[in-house]
Protein backbone atom coordinates (compact mmCIF):
# COMPACT_ATOMS: atom_id res chain seq x y z
CA UNK A 1 -1.61 50.31 24.16
CA UNK A 2 -0.81 46.84 22.89
CA UNK A 3 1.62 44.67 24.82
CA UNK A 4 2.71 42.86 21.67
CA UNK A 5 3.93 43.74 18.16
CA UNK A 6 4.01 42.39 14.63
CA UNK A 7 7.63 43.64 14.51
CA UNK A 8 10.22 41.16 15.63
CA UNK A 9 13.22 42.13 17.67
CA UNK A 10 16.65 41.37 16.15
CA UNK A 11 17.04 38.68 18.83
CA UNK A 12 13.74 37.06 17.96
CA UNK A 13 14.62 36.98 14.25
CA UNK A 14 18.02 35.42 15.00
CA UNK A 15 16.41 32.84 17.26
CA UNK A 16 14.04 31.84 14.47
CA UNK A 17 17.12 30.48 12.55
CA UNK A 18 17.82 27.89 15.25
CA UNK A 19 18.11 24.24 14.21
CA UNK A 20 14.83 22.42 13.71
CA UNK A 21 15.73 19.27 15.65
CA UNK A 22 12.88 17.02 16.53
CA UNK A 23 12.92 14.52 19.37
CA UNK A 24 11.07 11.33 20.25
CA UNK A 25 9.30 10.29 17.08
CA UNK A 26 7.23 7.20 18.13
CA UNK A 27 5.33 4.95 15.83
CA UNK A 28 6.04 2.84 12.71
CA UNK A 29 8.25 2.50 9.69
CA UNK A 30 6.90 0.32 6.88
CA UNK A 31 8.26 -0.62 3.46
CA UNK A 32 6.81 -2.23 0.36
CA UNK A 33 7.72 -3.00 -3.19
CA UNK A 34 5.88 -0.80 -5.73
CA UNK A 35 5.75 -0.32 -9.51
CA UNK A 36 9.17 1.05 -10.62
CA UNK A 37 7.81 2.65 -13.83
CA UNK A 38 5.23 4.60 -11.80
CA UNK A 39 7.86 5.56 -9.19
CA UNK A 40 10.27 6.85 -11.81
CA UNK A 41 7.57 8.94 -13.43
CA UNK A 42 6.81 10.55 -10.02
CA UNK A 43 10.43 11.75 -9.65
CA UNK A 44 11.30 15.26 -10.85
CA UNK A 45 14.15 15.15 -13.41
CA UNK A 46 17.01 14.53 -13.11
CA UNK A 47 16.36 12.26 -10.10
CA UNK A 48 16.72 8.56 -10.91
CA UNK A 49 14.99 5.71 -9.07
CA UNK A 50 17.24 3.67 -6.83
CA UNK A 51 15.18 0.46 -6.28
CA UNK A 52 11.45 -0.32 -6.22
CA UNK A 53 11.03 -0.27 -2.40
CA UNK A 54 9.33 2.72 -0.85
CA UNK A 55 9.08 3.51 2.82
CA UNK A 56 6.83 5.49 5.12
CA UNK A 57 6.91 6.51 8.74
CA UNK A 58 3.73 7.09 10.70
CA UNK A 59 4.58 8.67 14.05
CA UNK A 60 3.75 10.99 16.87
CA UNK A 61 6.46 13.59 17.39
CA UNK A 62 6.45 14.06 21.12
CA UNK A 63 9.04 16.84 21.34
CA UNK A 64 9.45 18.95 18.23
CA UNK A 65 11.41 22.23 18.47
CA UNK A 66 9.39 25.43 18.76
CA UNK A 67 5.88 24.00 18.72
CA UNK A 68 3.60 21.48 20.47
CA UNK A 69 3.53 17.79 19.58
CA UNK A 70 1.93 16.58 16.36
CA UNK A 71 1.62 13.45 14.30
CA UNK A 72 3.40 13.12 10.98
CA UNK A 73 3.56 10.79 7.97
CA UNK A 74 6.43 10.77 5.46
CA UNK A 75 6.09 8.69 2.30
CA UNK A 76 9.48 8.46 0.50
CA UNK A 77 11.09 7.06 -2.65
CA UNK A 78 14.77 6.13 -2.70
CA UNK A 79 16.57 7.91 -5.56
CA UNK A 80 19.79 9.60 -6.67
CA UNK A 81 21.02 12.63 -8.60
CA UNK A 82 24.43 11.80 -10.07
CA UNK A 83 26.52 10.47 -7.22
CA UNK A 84 24.24 11.89 -4.55
CA UNK A 85 21.74 9.51 -2.96
CA UNK A 86 18.71 10.35 -0.84
CA UNK A 87 14.94 10.22 -0.48
CA UNK A 88 12.30 12.04 -2.41
CA UNK A 89 9.24 12.97 -0.33
CA UNK A 90 5.97 12.07 -1.99
CA UNK A 91 3.64 13.09 0.86
CA UNK A 92 3.96 14.54 4.37
CA UNK A 93 0.63 14.79 6.15
CA UNK A 94 0.44 16.06 9.69
CA UNK A 95 -2.17 16.49 12.47
CA UNK A 96 -2.30 17.66 16.06
CA UNK A 97 -1.73 20.77 18.21
CA UNK A 98 1.57 21.63 16.52
CA UNK A 99 0.59 20.72 13.00
CA UNK A 100 -0.30 24.16 11.74
CA UNK A 101 3.11 25.57 12.74
CA UNK A 102 4.80 22.46 11.56
CA UNK A 103 3.20 22.85 8.13
CA UNK A 104 4.30 26.53 7.96
CA UNK A 105 7.90 25.68 8.86
CA UNK A 106 8.04 22.69 6.55
CA UNK A 107 6.56 24.43 3.48
CA UNK A 108 8.92 27.42 4.04
CA UNK A 109 11.80 24.95 3.60
CA UNK A 110 10.26 23.26 0.45
CA UNK A 111 8.71 20.29 2.28
CA UNK A 112 5.37 19.33 0.82
CA UNK A 113 3.40 19.29 4.05
CA UNK A 114 -0.44 19.09 4.19
CA UNK A 115 -2.80 19.07 7.15
CA UNK A 116 -5.03 16.02 7.52
CA UNK A 117 -8.20 15.65 9.50
CA UNK A 118 -7.62 12.34 11.22
CA UNK A 119 -4.42 10.53 12.19
CA UNK A 120 -4.12 7.44 14.35
CA UNK A 121 -0.93 5.72 15.56
CA UNK A 122 -1.17 3.31 18.53
CA UNK A 123 0.09 0.06 19.97
CA UNK A 124 -1.69 -2.59 22.05
CA UNK A 125 0.94 -5.19 22.99
CA UNK A 126 1.94 -6.92 19.72
CA UNK A 127 -0.72 -5.10 17.67
CA UNK A 128 0.32 -1.92 15.95
CA UNK A 129 -1.99 0.37 14.00
CA UNK A 130 -1.57 3.47 11.90
CA UNK A 131 -4.07 5.36 9.74
CA UNK A 132 -4.78 8.74 8.29
CA UNK A 133 -7.67 10.40 6.57
CA UNK A 134 -8.17 13.61 4.61
CA UNK A 135 -11.16 15.00 2.75
CA UNK A 136 -13.35 12.24 4.16
CA UNK A 137 -11.25 9.50 2.64
CA UNK A 138 -8.97 7.04 4.48
CA UNK A 139 -5.65 7.34 2.63
CA UNK A 140 -3.51 4.96 4.66
CA UNK A 141 -4.47 2.12 6.95
CA UNK A 142 -2.03 -0.49 8.36
CA UNK A 143 -2.01 -3.19 10.98
CA UNK A 144 1.20 -4.87 11.98
CA UNK A 145 2.19 -7.77 14.27
CA UNK A 146 5.20 -6.66 16.36
CA UNK A 147 6.77 -10.07 16.53
CA UNK A 148 10.41 -9.51 15.61
CA UNK A 149 9.90 -10.71 12.08
CA UNK A 150 9.62 -8.95 8.69
CA UNK A 151 7.43 -10.08 5.83
CA UNK A 152 10.38 -10.59 3.52
CA UNK A 153 13.63 -10.70 5.56
CA UNK A 154 15.80 -11.07 2.49
CA UNK A 155 14.73 -7.62 1.31
CA UNK A 156 13.86 -5.95 4.65
CA UNK A 157 17.07 -6.66 6.54
CA UNK A 158 19.42 -4.92 4.03
CA UNK A 159 16.83 -2.19 3.50
CA UNK A 160 16.64 -1.41 7.24
CA UNK A 161 20.28 -2.29 8.04
CA UNK A 162 21.01 1.17 9.52
CA UNK A 163 18.03 1.06 11.80
CA UNK A 164 19.82 -0.23 14.93
CA UNK A 165 19.31 1.29 18.39
CA UNK A 166 22.25 3.55 19.25
CA UNK A 167 23.14 4.06 15.59
CA UNK A 168 22.33 6.74 12.94
CA UNK A 169 20.18 6.10 9.88
CA UNK A 170 20.50 8.24 6.75
CA UNK A 171 17.51 10.38 5.88
CA UNK A 172 18.95 12.83 3.32
CA UNK A 173 16.04 14.34 1.51
CA UNK A 174 15.72 15.84 -1.99
CA UNK A 175 13.49 18.92 -2.12
CA UNK A 176 12.38 21.10 -5.07
CA UNK A 177 12.70 24.87 -4.71
CA UNK A 178 10.95 27.22 -7.08
CA UNK A 179 9.52 30.72 -7.45
CA UNK A 180 6.37 32.24 -8.83
CA UNK A 181 6.65 35.58 -10.64
CA UNK A 182 5.47 37.59 -13.66
CA UNK A 183 6.80 38.16 -17.15
CA UNK A 184 5.02 40.69 -19.42
CA UNK A 185 2.30 40.88 -16.81
CA UNK A 186 1.56 37.19 -16.93
CA UNK A 187 2.22 34.71 -14.04
CA UNK A 188 4.82 32.00 -14.44
CA UNK A 189 6.89 29.54 -12.42
CA UNK A 190 10.63 30.21 -12.30
CA UNK A 191 13.91 29.27 -10.65
CA UNK A 192 13.58 25.52 -10.27
CA UNK A 193 16.49 24.11 -8.26
CA UNK A 194 17.10 20.79 -6.55
CA UNK A 195 18.05 21.01 -2.95
CA UNK A 196 19.00 18.26 -0.52
CA UNK A 197 18.62 18.40 3.24
CA UNK A 198 21.43 16.58 5.17
CA UNK A 199 19.37 14.65 7.60
CA UNK A 200 19.84 11.67 9.89
CA UNK A 201 17.85 9.74 12.47
CA UNK A 202 19.16 8.68 15.88
CA UNK A 203 17.52 5.30 16.42
CA UNK A 204 16.45 4.61 20.00
CA UNK A 205 14.11 1.61 19.56
CA UNK A 206 13.52 -0.76 16.65
CA UNK A 207 11.26 -3.74 16.94
CA UNK A 208 10.64 -5.57 13.56
CA UNK A 209 7.08 -6.34 12.65
CA UNK A 210 5.05 -8.25 10.08
CA UNK A 211 2.61 -6.17 8.04
CA UNK A 212 -0.78 -7.93 8.34
CA UNK A 213 -2.66 -5.40 6.20
CA UNK A 214 -1.87 -2.23 4.36
CA UNK A 215 -4.42 -0.30 2.34
CA UNK A 216 -3.89 2.94 0.36
CA UNK A 217 -6.83 5.15 -0.59
CA UNK A 218 -7.09 8.20 -2.84
CA UNK A 219 -8.95 11.29 -3.89
CA UNK A 220 -8.09 13.78 -6.63
CA UNK A 221 -6.43 15.87 -3.91
CA UNK A 222 -4.55 12.91 -2.37
CA UNK A 223 -3.59 10.21 -4.90
CA UNK A 224 -1.81 7.92 -2.39
CA UNK A 225 -2.90 4.73 -4.21
CA UNK A 226 -0.55 5.68 -7.00
CA UNK A 227 2.26 4.32 -4.85
CA UNK A 228 0.68 0.83 -5.02
CA UNK A 229 1.55 -2.01 -2.73
CA UNK A 230 3.03 -4.80 -4.88
CA UNK A 231 4.56 -6.72 -1.99
CA UNK A 232 4.86 -5.83 1.72
CA UNK A 233 8.52 -5.99 2.83
CA UNK A 234 8.19 -5.39 6.55
CA UNK A 235 7.65 -2.79 9.32
CA UNK A 236 8.88 -1.88 12.76
CA UNK A 237 7.79 -0.12 15.91
CA UNK A 238 10.39 2.54 16.49
CA UNK A 239 11.43 5.57 18.50
CA UNK A 240 13.99 8.01 17.05
CA UNK A 241 15.19 11.64 16.93
CA UNK A 242 15.61 13.59 13.71
CA UNK A 243 18.34 16.16 12.91
CA UNK A 244 18.69 18.33 9.87
CA UNK A 245 22.27 19.58 9.78
CA UNK A 246 22.54 21.39 6.43
CA UNK A 247 20.71 22.25 3.22
CA UNK A 248 22.70 22.04 -0.06
CA UNK A 249 21.90 23.43 -3.50
CA UNK A 250 22.49 20.76 -6.16
CA UNK A 251 21.78 23.06 -9.05
CA UNK A 252 19.21 24.25 -11.60
CA UNK A 253 16.52 21.88 -12.87
CA UNK A 254 13.65 22.07 -15.33
CA UNK A 255 11.10 24.09 -13.35
CA UNK A 256 7.99 22.99 -15.23
CA UNK A 257 8.90 19.24 -15.27
CA UNK A 258 9.76 19.42 -11.56
CA UNK A 259 6.49 21.17 -10.73
CA UNK A 260 4.43 18.68 -12.75
CA UNK A 261 5.61 16.17 -10.15
CA UNK A 262 5.48 18.25 -7.03
CA UNK A 263 2.69 20.82 -7.30
CA UNK A 264 -0.09 18.40 -6.23
CA UNK A 265 1.94 17.42 -3.25
CA UNK A 266 1.53 20.98 -1.97
CA UNK A 267 -1.89 22.06 -3.33
CA UNK A 268 -5.30 20.58 -3.76
CA UNK A 269 -7.03 20.48 -7.14
CA UNK A 270 -8.75 23.74 -6.33
CA UNK A 271 -5.57 25.24 -7.69
CA UNK A 272 -6.74 23.98 -11.06
CA UNK A 273 -10.39 25.02 -10.63
CA UNK A 274 -11.72 21.68 -9.37
CA UNK A 275 -12.47 22.51 -5.75
CA UNK A 276 -14.65 20.41 -3.47
CA UNK A 277 -18.27 21.47 -3.63
CA UNK A 278 -20.26 20.55 -0.58
CA UNK A 279 -23.83 19.74 -1.61
């Protein structure tokens, strides 16, 4: 007789609703100016671009809730919907012992997480490095000089003004929710809604850094180079905790227009019949 069961107890099911707090992110934030026309086109309507600076974190999450550690990237665009401001997630790639469960949790809450095959984040004195690869292609590669200086202080200092040890930094995140169903026996996408996760970061360490090099790669599955680097603004070595305190429904949106801008974040081009063929 089996000792275990596919059937959860009521207590286990209730416990699965616990807060997904994550502790001790360690790695790098970086920001750069990009092409505003391209950025606006990437946003699902009715989101509107709020500046041409994008940001990314490349971190190891030492103490996530409910799973082992893993590494995570989060590439974000600043935007707004009416009077509500936040960040739209372009890409969240993860790797490590807890990555599989982290992807399941994230995708169940509308986060566009994908697994990647290689993820590096390290520090050697003043030298900081971060890189990730997927499908045999290096998609992000950065070197920074942790010297207390940004590339463009006039832009970086106001952009990162909340990132002070002992303070909270806003990380409210727009997420697209949708369903897939059938009408007259044919599949279709339905129920597009814009959600926002109330999220903040508790900053523990923040050491400004100069971006020495930042390269974006791409494949049809992973078009990171679309968020081109026009001008590096600055980076920082950082340690922080992340808390999601609420999820709010901002209302109905155009399902198809939203999915045109979010489907490839979640799925590879095999979804369109163009899978990778190993020769």
